[in-house]
Full PDB file with SEQRES, HELIX, SHEET, SSBOND, CRYST1, ORIGX, SCALE, CONECT and MASTER records, all heavy atoms in Angstrom:
SEQRES   1 A   40  GLY THR VAL ARG ALA VAL VAL SER VAL CYS ASP SER VAL          
SEQRES   2 A   40  ASN TYR MET THR GLU PRO GLU ASP LEU ARG GLU VAL PHE          
SEQRES   3 A   40  ARG LEU VAL ASN ASN TYR LEU ASP PRO GLY GLY ILE PHE          
SEQRES   4 A   40  LEU                                                          
HELIX    1 AA1 SER A   12  TYR A   15  5                                   4    
HELIX    2 AA2 PRO A   19  TYR A   32  1                                  14    
SHEET    1 AA1 2 VAL A   3  VAL A   6  0                                        
SHEET    2 AA1 2 LEU A  33  PHE A  39  1                                        
CRYST1    1.000    1.000    1.000  90.00  90.00  90.00 P 1           1          
ORIGX1      1.000000  0.000000  0.000000        0.00000                         
ORIGX2      0.000000  1.000000  0.000000        0.00000                         
ORIGX3      0.000000  0.000000  1.000000        0.00000                         
SCALE1      1.000000  0.000000  0.000000        0.00000                         
SCALE2      0.000000  1.000000  0.000000        0.00000                         
SCALE3      0.000000  0.000000  1.000000        0.00000                         
ATOM      1  N   GLY A   1     106.162 100.182 114.604  1.00  0.00           N  
ATOM      2  CA  GLY A   1     106.892 100.549 113.430  1.00  0.00           C  
ATOM      3  C   GLY A   1     105.968 101.241 112.473  1.00  0.00           C  
ATOM      4  O   GLY A   1     104.900 101.540 112.741  1.00  0.00           O  
ATOM      5  N   THR A   2     106.454 101.422 111.285  1.00  0.00           N  
ATOM      6  CA  THR A   2     105.716 102.188 110.227  1.00  0.00           C  
ATOM      7  C   THR A   2     104.945 101.232 109.410  1.00  0.00           C  
ATOM      8  O   THR A   2     105.186 100.017 109.520  1.00  0.00           O  
ATOM      9  CB  THR A   2     106.678 103.010 109.339  1.00  0.00           C  
ATOM     10  OG1 THR A   2     107.582 102.145 108.769  1.00  0.00           O  
ATOM     11  CG2 THR A   2     107.347 104.060 110.082  1.00  0.00           C  
ATOM     12  N   VAL A   3     103.961 101.760 108.723  1.00  0.00           N  
ATOM     13  CA  VAL A   3     103.044 100.976 107.887  1.00  0.00           C  
ATOM     14  C   VAL A   3     102.935 101.525 106.406  1.00  0.00           C  
ATOM     15  O   VAL A   3     103.295 102.697 106.275  1.00  0.00           O  
ATOM     16  CB  VAL A   3     101.667 100.933 108.502  1.00  0.00           C  
ATOM     17  CG1 VAL A   3     101.637 100.250 109.921  1.00  0.00           C  
ATOM     18  CG2 VAL A   3     101.001 102.292 108.546  1.00  0.00           C  
ATOM     19  N   ARG A   4     102.515 100.695 105.482  1.00  0.00           N  
ATOM     20  CA  ARG A   4     102.614 101.202 104.190  1.00  0.00           C  
ATOM     21  C   ARG A   4     101.391 102.117 103.964  1.00  0.00           C  
ATOM     22  O   ARG A   4     101.503 103.053 103.056  1.00  0.00           O  
ATOM     23  CB  ARG A   4     102.497 100.031 103.237  1.00  0.00           C  
ATOM     24  CG  ARG A   4     103.646  99.111 103.221  1.00  0.00           C  
ATOM     25  CD  ARG A   4     103.772  98.250 101.954  1.00  0.00           C  
ATOM     26  NE  ARG A   4     104.200  99.145 100.816  1.00  0.00           N  
ATOM     27  CZ  ARG A   4     104.185  98.773  99.564  1.00  0.00           C  
ATOM     28  NH1 ARG A   4     103.790  97.481  99.275  1.00  0.00           N  
ATOM     29  NH2 ARG A   4     104.480  99.653  98.586  1.00  0.00           N  
ATOM     30  N   ALA A   5     100.281 101.878 104.659  1.00  0.00           N  
ATOM     31  CA  ALA A   5      99.094 102.668 104.369  1.00  0.00           C  
ATOM     32  C   ALA A   5      98.275 102.782 105.740  1.00  0.00           C  
ATOM     33  O   ALA A   5      98.355 101.849 106.548  1.00  0.00           O  
ATOM     34  CB  ALA A   5      98.216 102.248 103.297  1.00  0.00           C  
ATOM     35  N   VAL A   6      97.492 103.808 105.833  1.00  0.00           N  
ATOM     36  CA  VAL A   6      96.520 103.962 106.900  1.00  0.00           C  
ATOM     37  C   VAL A   6      95.188 104.260 106.331  1.00  0.00           C  
ATOM     38  O   VAL A   6      95.070 105.036 105.396  1.00  0.00           O  
ATOM     39  CB  VAL A   6      96.792 105.177 107.814  1.00  0.00           C  
ATOM     40  CG1 VAL A   6      95.805 105.316 108.942  1.00  0.00           C  
ATOM     41  CG2 VAL A   6      98.287 104.925 108.572  1.00  0.00           C  
ATOM     42  N   VAL A   7      94.137 103.510 106.710  1.00  0.00           N  
ATOM     43  CA  VAL A   7      92.802 103.806 106.211  1.00  0.00           C  
ATOM     44  C   VAL A   7      91.926 104.109 107.438  1.00  0.00           C  
ATOM     45  O   VAL A   7      92.130 103.658 108.557  1.00  0.00           O  
ATOM     46  CB  VAL A   7      92.201 102.622 105.390  1.00  0.00           C  
ATOM     47  CG1 VAL A   7      93.051 102.282 104.264  1.00  0.00           C  
ATOM     48  CG2 VAL A   7      92.049 101.320 106.339  1.00  0.00           C  
ATOM     49  N   SER A   8      90.923 104.882 107.221  1.00  0.00           N  
ATOM     50  CA  SER A   8      89.916 105.252 108.282  1.00  0.00           C  
ATOM     51  C   SER A   8      88.622 105.430 107.600  1.00  0.00           C  
ATOM     52  O   SER A   8      88.434 106.480 106.886  1.00  0.00           O  
ATOM     53  CB  SER A   8      90.386 106.388 109.100  1.00  0.00           C  
ATOM     54  OG  SER A   8      89.574 106.652 110.194  1.00  0.00           O  
ATOM     55  N   VAL A   9      87.600 104.678 107.880  1.00  0.00           N  
ATOM     56  CA  VAL A   9      86.300 104.686 107.212  1.00  0.00           C  
ATOM     57  C   VAL A   9      85.068 104.950 108.150  1.00  0.00           C  
ATOM     58  O   VAL A   9      85.341 105.028 109.355  1.00  0.00           O  
ATOM     59  CB  VAL A   9      86.057 103.515 106.317  1.00  0.00           C  
ATOM     60  CG1 VAL A   9      87.139 103.311 105.255  1.00  0.00           C  
ATOM     61  CG2 VAL A   9      85.950 102.284 107.166  1.00  0.00           C  
ATOM     62  N   CYS A  10      84.023 105.130 107.527  1.00  0.00           N  
ATOM     63  CA  CYS A  10      82.773 105.329 108.401  1.00  0.00           C  
ATOM     64  C   CYS A  10      82.818 106.596 109.315  1.00  0.00           C  
ATOM     65  O   CYS A  10      82.509 106.603 110.443  1.00  0.00           O  
ATOM     66  CB  CYS A  10      82.350 104.089 109.163  1.00  0.00           C  
ATOM     67  SG  CYS A  10      81.859 102.740 108.095  1.00  0.00           S  
ATOM     68  N   ASP A  11      83.362 107.675 108.688  1.00  0.00           N  
ATOM     69  CA  ASP A  11      83.415 108.942 109.312  1.00  0.00           C  
ATOM     70  C   ASP A  11      84.009 109.033 110.786  1.00  0.00           C  
ATOM     71  O   ASP A  11      83.671 109.742 111.552  1.00  0.00           O  
ATOM     72  CB  ASP A  11      82.048 109.693 109.377  1.00  0.00           C  
ATOM     73  CG  ASP A  11      80.925 108.744 109.837  1.00  0.00           C  
ATOM     74  OD1 ASP A  11      80.760 108.693 111.074  1.00  0.00           O  
ATOM     75  OD2 ASP A  11      80.185 108.249 109.061  1.00  0.00           O  
ATOM     76  N   SER A  12      85.068 108.021 110.865  1.00  0.00           N  
ATOM     77  CA  SER A  12      85.677 108.038 112.255  1.00  0.00           C  
ATOM     78  C   SER A  12      86.439 109.391 112.535  1.00  0.00           C  
ATOM     79  O   SER A  12      86.412 109.823 113.760  1.00  0.00           O  
ATOM     80  CB  SER A  12      86.835 106.985 112.276  1.00  0.00           C  
ATOM     81  OG  SER A  12      86.218 105.703 112.216  1.00  0.00           O  
ATOM     82  N   VAL A  13      86.948 110.167 111.562  1.00  0.00           N  
ATOM     83  CA  VAL A  13      87.607 111.348 111.843  1.00  0.00           C  
ATOM     84  C   VAL A  13      86.623 112.428 112.270  1.00  0.00           C  
ATOM     85  O   VAL A  13      87.091 113.560 112.947  1.00  0.00           O  
ATOM     86  CB  VAL A  13      88.428 111.812 110.548  1.00  0.00           C  
ATOM     87  CG1 VAL A  13      89.478 110.890 110.183  1.00  0.00           C  
ATOM     88  CG2 VAL A  13      87.562 112.147 109.401  1.00  0.00           C  
ATOM     89  N   ASN A  14      85.344 112.321 111.974  1.00  0.00           N  
ATOM     90  CA  ASN A  14      84.350 113.319 112.407  1.00  0.00           C  
ATOM     91  C   ASN A  14      84.207 113.338 114.000  1.00  0.00           C  
ATOM     92  O   ASN A  14      83.735 114.306 114.399  1.00  0.00           O  
ATOM     93  CB  ASN A  14      82.981 113.145 111.794  1.00  0.00           C  
ATOM     94  CG  ASN A  14      83.039 113.411 110.269  1.00  0.00           C  
ATOM     95  OD1 ASN A  14      83.126 112.536 109.455  1.00  0.00           O  
ATOM     96  ND2 ASN A  14      82.963 114.745 109.968  1.00  0.00           N  
ATOM     97  N   TYR A  15      84.626 112.290 114.651  1.00  0.00           N  
ATOM     98  CA  TYR A  15      84.617 112.254 116.053  1.00  0.00           C  
ATOM     99  C   TYR A  15      85.704 113.229 116.697  1.00  0.00           C  
ATOM    100  O   TYR A  15      85.646 113.500 117.857  1.00  0.00           O  
ATOM    101  CB  TYR A  15      84.756 110.908 116.511  1.00  0.00           C  
ATOM    102  CG  TYR A  15      83.451 110.067 116.622  1.00  0.00           C  
ATOM    103  CD1 TYR A  15      83.162 109.149 115.557  1.00  0.00           C  
ATOM    104  CD2 TYR A  15      82.525 110.250 117.564  1.00  0.00           C  
ATOM    105  CE1 TYR A  15      82.009 108.500 115.556  1.00  0.00           C  
ATOM    106  CE2 TYR A  15      81.328 109.501 117.570  1.00  0.00           C  
ATOM    107  CZ  TYR A  15      81.146 108.659 116.425  1.00  0.00           C  
ATOM    108  OH  TYR A  15      79.961 107.910 116.520  1.00  0.00           O  
ATOM    109  N   MET A  16      86.512 113.794 115.863  1.00  0.00           N  
ATOM    110  CA  MET A  16      87.520 114.738 116.298  1.00  0.00           C  
ATOM    111  C   MET A  16      86.854 116.127 116.221  1.00  0.00           C  
ATOM    112  O   MET A  16      86.875 116.761 115.166  1.00  0.00           O  
ATOM    113  CB  MET A  16      88.787 114.743 115.414  1.00  0.00           C  
ATOM    114  CG  MET A  16      89.558 113.374 115.481  1.00  0.00           C  
ATOM    115  SD  MET A  16      90.168 112.984 116.991  1.00  0.00           S  
ATOM    116  CE  MET A  16      89.024 111.772 117.557  1.00  0.00           C  
ATOM    117  N   THR A  17      86.206 116.524 117.319  1.00  0.00           N  
ATOM    118  CA  THR A  17      85.337 117.673 117.275  1.00  0.00           C  
ATOM    119  C   THR A  17      86.144 118.967 117.363  1.00  0.00           C  
ATOM    120  O   THR A  17      85.571 120.024 117.199  1.00  0.00           O  
ATOM    121  CB  THR A  17      84.315 117.634 118.496  1.00  0.00           C  
ATOM    122  OG1 THR A  17      84.972 117.434 119.643  1.00  0.00           O  
ATOM    123  CG2 THR A  17      83.290 116.523 118.279  1.00  0.00           C  
ATOM    124  N   GLU A  18      87.399 118.878 117.779  1.00  0.00           N  
ATOM    125  CA  GLU A  18      88.352 119.953 117.768  1.00  0.00           C  
ATOM    126  C   GLU A  18      89.339 119.846 116.719  1.00  0.00           C  
ATOM    127  O   GLU A  18      90.132 118.780 116.552  1.00  0.00           O  
ATOM    128  CB  GLU A  18      89.072 120.094 119.189  1.00  0.00           C  
ATOM    129  CG  GLU A  18      88.112 120.300 120.359  1.00  0.00           C  
ATOM    130  CD  GLU A  18      87.468 121.687 120.276  1.00  0.00           C  
ATOM    131  OE1 GLU A  18      88.102 122.675 119.653  1.00  0.00           O  
ATOM    132  OE2 GLU A  18      86.449 121.748 120.819  1.00  0.00           O  
ATOM    133  N   PRO A  19      89.482 120.838 115.756  1.00  0.00           N  
ATOM    134  CA  PRO A  19      90.486 120.805 114.690  1.00  0.00           C  
ATOM    135  C   PRO A  19      91.782 120.390 115.191  1.00  0.00           C  
ATOM    136  O   PRO A  19      92.563 119.681 114.440  1.00  0.00           O  
ATOM    137  CB  PRO A  19      90.403 122.216 114.018  1.00  0.00           C  
ATOM    138  CG  PRO A  19      88.963 122.634 114.284  1.00  0.00           C  
ATOM    139  CD  PRO A  19      88.709 122.063 115.784  1.00  0.00           C  
ATOM    140  N   GLU A  20      92.278 120.933 116.379  1.00  0.00           N  
ATOM    141  CA  GLU A  20      93.617 120.648 116.818  1.00  0.00           C  
ATOM    142  C   GLU A  20      93.788 119.156 117.109  1.00  0.00           C  
ATOM    143  O   GLU A  20      94.830 118.579 116.893  1.00  0.00           O  
ATOM    144  CB  GLU A  20      93.814 121.407 118.109  1.00  0.00           C  
ATOM    145  CG  GLU A  20      93.915 122.868 117.944  1.00  0.00           C  
ATOM    146  CD  GLU A  20      92.500 123.484 117.856  1.00  0.00           C  
ATOM    147  OE1 GLU A  20      91.593 122.863 118.041  1.00  0.00           O  
ATOM    148  OE2 GLU A  20      92.452 124.662 117.431  1.00  0.00           O  
ATOM    149  N   ASP A  21      92.654 118.441 117.532  1.00  0.00           N  
ATOM    150  CA  ASP A  21      92.782 117.047 117.687  1.00  0.00           C  
ATOM    151  C   ASP A  21      92.940 116.326 116.462  1.00  0.00           C  
ATOM    152  O   ASP A  21      93.699 115.362 116.321  1.00  0.00           O  
ATOM    153  CB  ASP A  21      91.559 116.463 118.569  1.00  0.00           C  
ATOM    154  CG  ASP A  21      91.587 116.910 120.002  1.00  0.00           C  
ATOM    155  OD1 ASP A  21      92.596 117.166 120.456  1.00  0.00           O  
ATOM    156  OD2 ASP A  21      90.442 116.801 120.621  1.00  0.00           O  
ATOM    157  N   LEU A  22      92.171 116.712 115.433  1.00  0.00           N  
ATOM    158  CA  LEU A  22      92.259 116.020 114.118  1.00  0.00           C  
ATOM    159  C   LEU A  22      93.657 116.285 113.494  1.00  0.00           C  
ATOM    160  O   LEU A  22      94.225 115.365 112.862  1.00  0.00           O  
ATOM    161  CB  LEU A  22      91.155 116.575 113.178  1.00  0.00           C  
ATOM    162  CG  LEU A  22      91.050 115.927 111.788  1.00  0.00           C  
ATOM    163  CD1 LEU A  22      90.985 114.348 111.965  1.00  0.00           C  
ATOM    164  CD2 LEU A  22      89.966 116.472 111.045  1.00  0.00           C  
ATOM    165  N   ARG A  23      94.190 117.436 113.652  1.00  0.00           N  
ATOM    166  CA  ARG A  23      95.566 117.851 113.242  1.00  0.00           C  
ATOM    167  C   ARG A  23      96.584 116.827 113.931  1.00  0.00           C  
ATOM    168  O   ARG A  23      97.531 116.176 113.178  1.00  0.00           O  
ATOM    169  CB  ARG A  23      95.946 119.269 113.509  1.00  0.00           C  
ATOM    170  CG  ARG A  23      97.369 119.565 113.015  1.00  0.00           C  
ATOM    171  CD  ARG A  23      97.768 120.917 113.398  1.00  0.00           C  
ATOM    172  NE  ARG A  23      96.997 121.999 112.648  1.00  0.00           N  
ATOM    173  CZ  ARG A  23      96.088 122.698 113.303  1.00  0.00           C  
ATOM    174  NH1 ARG A  23      95.822 122.584 114.577  1.00  0.00           N  
ATOM    175  NH2 ARG A  23      95.366 123.590 112.609  1.00  0.00           N  
ATOM    176  N   GLU A  24      96.407 116.521 115.164  1.00  0.00           N  
ATOM    177  CA  GLU A  24      97.212 115.613 115.890  1.00  0.00           C  
ATOM    178  C   GLU A  24      97.197 114.188 115.317  1.00  0.00           C  
ATOM    179  O   GLU A  24      98.102 113.454 115.176  1.00  0.00           O  
ATOM    180  CB  GLU A  24      96.938 115.638 117.420  1.00  0.00           C  
ATOM    181  CG  GLU A  24      97.826 114.677 118.212  1.00  0.00           C  
ATOM    182  CD  GLU A  24      99.318 114.956 118.128  1.00  0.00           C  
ATOM    183  OE1 GLU A  24      99.670 116.006 117.625  1.00  0.00           O  
ATOM    184  OE2 GLU A  24     100.142 114.006 118.566  1.00  0.00           O  
ATOM    185  N   VAL A  25      95.871 113.863 114.906  1.00  0.00           N  
ATOM    186  CA  VAL A  25      95.660 112.544 114.364  1.00  0.00           C  
ATOM    187  C   VAL A  25      96.458 112.461 113.001  1.00  0.00           C  
ATOM    188  O   VAL A  25      97.188 111.458 112.801  1.00  0.00           O  
ATOM    189  CB  VAL A  25      94.202 112.247 114.175  1.00  0.00           C  
ATOM    190  CG1 VAL A  25      93.963 110.878 113.331  1.00  0.00           C  
ATOM    191  CG2 VAL A  25      93.479 112.074 115.419  1.00  0.00           C  
ATOM    192  N   PHE A  26      96.335 113.403 112.292  1.00  0.00           N  
ATOM    193  CA  PHE A  26      97.016 113.439 110.921  1.00  0.00           C  
ATOM    194  C   PHE A  26      98.577 113.434 111.176  1.00  0.00           C  
ATOM    195  O   PHE A  26      99.254 112.802 110.325  1.00  0.00           O  
ATOM    196  CB  PHE A  26      96.639 114.701 110.121  1.00  0.00           C  
ATOM    197  CG  PHE A  26      95.193 114.748 109.626  1.00  0.00           C  
ATOM    198  CD1 PHE A  26      94.605 115.820 109.186  1.00  0.00           C  
ATOM    199  CD2 PHE A  26      94.486 113.558 109.629  1.00  0.00           C  
ATOM    200  CE1 PHE A  26      93.384 115.883 108.700  1.00  0.00           C  
ATOM    201  CE2 PHE A  26      93.156 113.535 109.075  1.00  0.00           C  
ATOM    202  CZ  PHE A  26      92.580 114.715 108.645  1.00  0.00           C  
ATOM    203  N   ARG A  27      98.962 114.146 112.174  1.00  0.00           N  
ATOM    204  CA  ARG A  27     100.458 114.196 112.397  1.00  0.00           C  
ATOM    205  C   ARG A  27     100.905 112.860 112.797  1.00  0.00           C  
ATOM    206  O   ARG A  27     102.043 112.364 112.344  1.00  0.00           O  
ATOM    207  CB  ARG A  27     100.791 115.163 113.579  1.00  0.00           C  
ATOM    208  CG  ARG A  27     102.326 115.473 113.753  1.00  0.00           C  
ATOM    209  CD  ARG A  27     102.561 116.100 115.107  1.00  0.00           C  
ATOM    210  NE  ARG A  27     102.252 115.327 116.243  1.00  0.00           N  
ATOM    211  CZ  ARG A  27     103.064 114.365 116.715  1.00  0.00           C  
ATOM    212  NH1 ARG A  27     104.181 114.147 116.138  1.00  0.00           N  
ATOM    213  NH2 ARG A  27     102.714 113.621 117.749  1.00  0.00           N  
ATOM    214  N   LEU A  28     100.241 112.086 113.598  1.00  0.00           N  
ATOM    215  CA  LEU A  28     100.570 110.676 113.957  1.00  0.00           C  
ATOM    216  C   LEU A  28     100.558 109.838 112.783  1.00  0.00           C  
ATOM    217  O   LEU A  28     101.466 108.947 112.526  1.00  0.00           O  
ATOM    218  CB  LEU A  28      99.668 110.244 115.109  1.00  0.00           C  
ATOM    219  CG  LEU A  28      99.848 110.867 116.513  1.00  0.00           C  
ATOM    220  CD1 LEU A  28      98.718 110.474 117.418  1.00  0.00           C  
ATOM    221  CD2 LEU A  28     101.294 110.503 117.067  1.00  0.00           C  
ATOM    222  N   VAL A  29      99.586 109.964 111.998  1.00  0.00           N  
ATOM    223  CA  VAL A  29      99.444 109.255 110.700  1.00  0.00           C  
ATOM    224  C   VAL A  29     100.724 109.444 109.883  1.00  0.00           C  
ATOM    225  O   VAL A  29     101.376 108.477 109.421  1.00  0.00           O  
ATOM    226  CB  VAL A  29      98.181 109.585 109.988  1.00  0.00           C  
ATOM    227  CG1 VAL A  29      98.334 108.816 108.547  1.00  0.00           C  
ATOM    228  CG2 VAL A  29      96.959 108.999 110.617  1.00  0.00           C  
ATOM    229  N   ASN A  30     101.151 110.670 109.691  1.00  0.00           N  
ATOM    230  CA  ASN A  30     102.324 110.873 108.834  1.00  0.00           C  
ATOM    231  C   ASN A  30     103.472 110.337 109.520  1.00  0.00           C  
ATOM    232  O   ASN A  30     104.365 109.731 108.822  1.00  0.00           O  
ATOM    233  CB  ASN A  30     102.474 112.371 108.813  1.00  0.00           C  
ATOM    234  CG  ASN A  30     103.594 112.842 107.861  1.00  0.00           C  
ATOM    235  OD1 ASN A  30     103.513 112.501 106.603  1.00  0.00           O  
ATOM    236  ND2 ASN A  30     104.601 113.438 108.309  1.00  0.00           N  
ATOM    237  N   ASN A  31     103.543 110.410 110.936  1.00  0.00           N  
ATOM    238  CA  ASN A  31     104.738 109.816 111.537  1.00  0.00           C  
ATOM    239  C   ASN A  31     104.918 108.218 111.378  1.00  0.00           C  
ATOM    240  O   ASN A  31     106.002 107.815 111.336  1.00  0.00           O  
ATOM    241  CB  ASN A  31     104.620 110.095 113.065  1.00  0.00           C  
ATOM    242  CG  ASN A  31     105.804 109.679 113.899  1.00  0.00           C  
ATOM    243  OD1 ASN A  31     106.944 110.158 113.672  1.00  0.00           O  
ATOM    244  ND2 ASN A  31     105.618 108.790 114.818  1.00  0.00           N  
ATOM    245  N   TYR A  32     103.701 107.562 111.306  1.00  0.00           N  
ATOM    246  CA  TYR A  32     103.871 106.128 111.338  1.00  0.00           C  
ATOM    247  C   TYR A  32     103.668 105.618 109.807  1.00  0.00           C  
ATOM    248  O   TYR A  32     103.652 104.344 109.657  1.00  0.00           O  
ATOM    249  CB  TYR A  32     102.701 105.505 112.148  1.00  0.00           C  
ATOM    250  CG  TYR A  32     103.061 105.615 113.640  1.00  0.00           C  
ATOM    251  CD1 TYR A  32     102.379 106.406 114.496  1.00  0.00           C  
ATOM    252  CD2 TYR A  32     104.101 104.770 114.075  1.00  0.00           C  
ATOM    253  CE1 TYR A  32     102.729 106.548 115.872  1.00  0.00           C  
ATOM    254  CE2 TYR A  32     104.421 104.974 115.494  1.00  0.00           C  
ATOM    255  CZ  TYR A  32     103.722 105.743 116.335  1.00  0.00           C  
ATOM    256  OH  TYR A  32     103.964 105.873 117.669  1.00  0.00           O  
ATOM    257  N   LEU A  33     103.647 106.410 108.839  1.00  0.00           N  
ATOM    258  CA  LEU A  33     103.663 105.916 107.467  1.00  0.00           C  
ATOM    259  C   LEU A  33     104.988 105.670 106.964  1.00  0.00           C  
ATOM    260  O   LEU A  33     105.979 106.464 107.307  1.00  0.00           O  
ATOM    261  CB  LEU A  33     102.896 106.885 106.603  1.00  0.00           C  
ATOM    262  CG  LEU A  33     101.373 106.922 106.571  1.00  0.00           C  
ATOM    263  CD1 LEU A  33     100.853 108.108 105.766  1.00  0.00           C  
ATOM    264  CD2 LEU A  33     100.862 105.556 105.910  1.00  0.00           C  
ATOM    265  N   ASP A  34     105.229 104.640 106.168  1.00  0.00           N  
ATOM    266  CA  ASP A  34     106.444 104.504 105.385  1.00  0.00           C  
ATOM    267  C   ASP A  34     106.691 105.649 104.501  1.00  0.00           C  
ATOM    268  O   ASP A  34     105.804 106.379 104.130  1.00  0.00           O  
ATOM    269  CB  ASP A  34     106.443 103.205 104.530  1.00  0.00           C  
ATOM    270  CG  ASP A  34     106.395 101.911 105.253  1.00  0.00           C  
ATOM    271  OD1 ASP A  34     106.802 101.989 106.517  1.00  0.00           O  
ATOM    272  OD2 ASP A  34     106.091 100.903 104.737  1.00  0.00           O  
ATOM    273  N   PRO A  35     107.914 105.943 104.149  1.00  0.00           N  
ATOM    274  CA  PRO A  35     108.154 107.047 103.149  1.00  0.00           C  
ATOM    275  C   PRO A  35     107.350 106.879 101.913  1.00  0.00           C  
ATOM    276  O   PRO A  35     107.294 105.794 101.277  1.00  0.00           O  
ATOM    277  CB  PRO A  35     109.723 106.929 102.772  1.00  0.00           C  
ATOM    278  CG  PRO A  35     110.241 106.250 104.154  1.00  0.00           C  
ATOM    279  CD  PRO A  35     109.129 105.408 104.559  1.00  0.00           C  
ATOM    280  N   GLY A  36     106.575 107.872 101.562  1.00  0.00           N  
ATOM    281  CA  GLY A  36     105.564 107.818 100.468  1.00  0.00           C  
ATOM    282  C   GLY A  36     104.361 107.050 100.692  1.00  0.00           C  
ATOM    283  O   GLY A  36     103.588 106.762  99.747  1.00  0.00           O  
ATOM    284  N   GLY A  37     104.179 106.628 101.953  1.00  0.00           N  
ATOM    285  CA  GLY A  37     102.958 105.903 102.391  1.00  0.00           C  
ATOM    286  C   GLY A  37     101.674 106.707 102.194  1.00  0.00           C  
ATOM    287  O   GLY A  37     101.636 107.909 102.105  1.00  0.00           O  
ATOM    288  N   ILE A  38     100.567 105.953 102.115  1.00  0.00           N  
ATOM    289  CA  ILE A  38      99.217 106.602 101.726  1.00  0.00           C  
ATOM    290  C   ILE A  38      98.237 106.561 102.879  1.00  0.00           C  
ATOM    291  O   ILE A  38      98.205 105.579 103.585  1.00  0.00           O  
ATOM    292  CB  ILE A  38      98.589 105.869 100.513  1.00  0.00           C  
ATOM    293  CG1 ILE A  38      99.494 106.261  99.332  1.00  0.00           C  
ATOM    294  CG2 ILE A  38      97.157 106.389 100.269  1.00  0.00           C  
ATOM    295  CD1 ILE A  38      99.556 107.616  98.920  1.00  0.00           C  
ATOM    296  N   PHE A  39      97.534 107.639 103.115  1.00  0.00           N  
ATOM    297  CA  PHE A  39      96.425 107.709 104.068  1.00  0.00           C  
ATOM    298  C   PHE A  39      95.208 108.047 103.304  1.00  0.00           C  
ATOM    299  O   PHE A  39      95.113 108.896 102.613  1.00  0.00           O  
ATOM    300  CB  PHE A  39      96.867 108.976 104.942  1.00  0.00           C  
ATOM    301  CG  PHE A  39      95.762 109.169 106.116  1.00  0.00           C  
ATOM    302  CD1 PHE A  39      95.036 108.147 106.643  1.00  0.00           C  
ATOM    303  CD2 PHE A  39      95.499 110.378 106.549  1.00  0.00           C  
ATOM    304  CE1 PHE A  39      94.113 108.385 107.620  1.00  0.00           C  
ATOM    305  CE2 PHE A  39      94.518 110.671 107.576  1.00  0.00           C  
ATOM    306  CZ  PHE A  39      93.868 109.650 108.085  1.00  0.00           C  
ATOM    307  N   LEU A  40      94.242 107.041 103.544  1.00  0.00           N  
ATOM    308  CA  LEU A  40      92.941 107.063 102.862  1.00  0.00           C  
ATOM    309  C   LEU A  40      91.905 107.091 103.907  1.00  0.00           C  
ATOM    310  O   LEU A  40      91.803 106.272 104.734  1.00  0.00           O  
ATOM    311  CB  LEU A  40      92.811 105.938 101.954  1.00  0.00           C  
ATOM    312  CG  LEU A  40      91.611 105.910 100.972  1.00  0.00           C  
ATOM    313  CD1 LEU A  40      91.863 105.016  99.745  1.00  0.00           C  
ATOM    314  CD2 LEU A  40      90.389 105.240 101.702  1.00  0.00           C  
TER     315      LEU A  40                                                      
MASTER        0    0    0    2    2    0    0    6  314    1    0    4          
END                                                                             
C-alpha cells in the first residue's frame, strides 16, 4: 500500500548510475506515497 513518507540516506540514490534508472526509482516513490506524501 502507500506510505506517508519515503526516506533514503547515505547516498543510496547515487548507485543509480543511469539517469533513467533513477527516474524510475522516483516514479515508484511517487506511486507509493500517500497524497501529499514526502520524499526525503
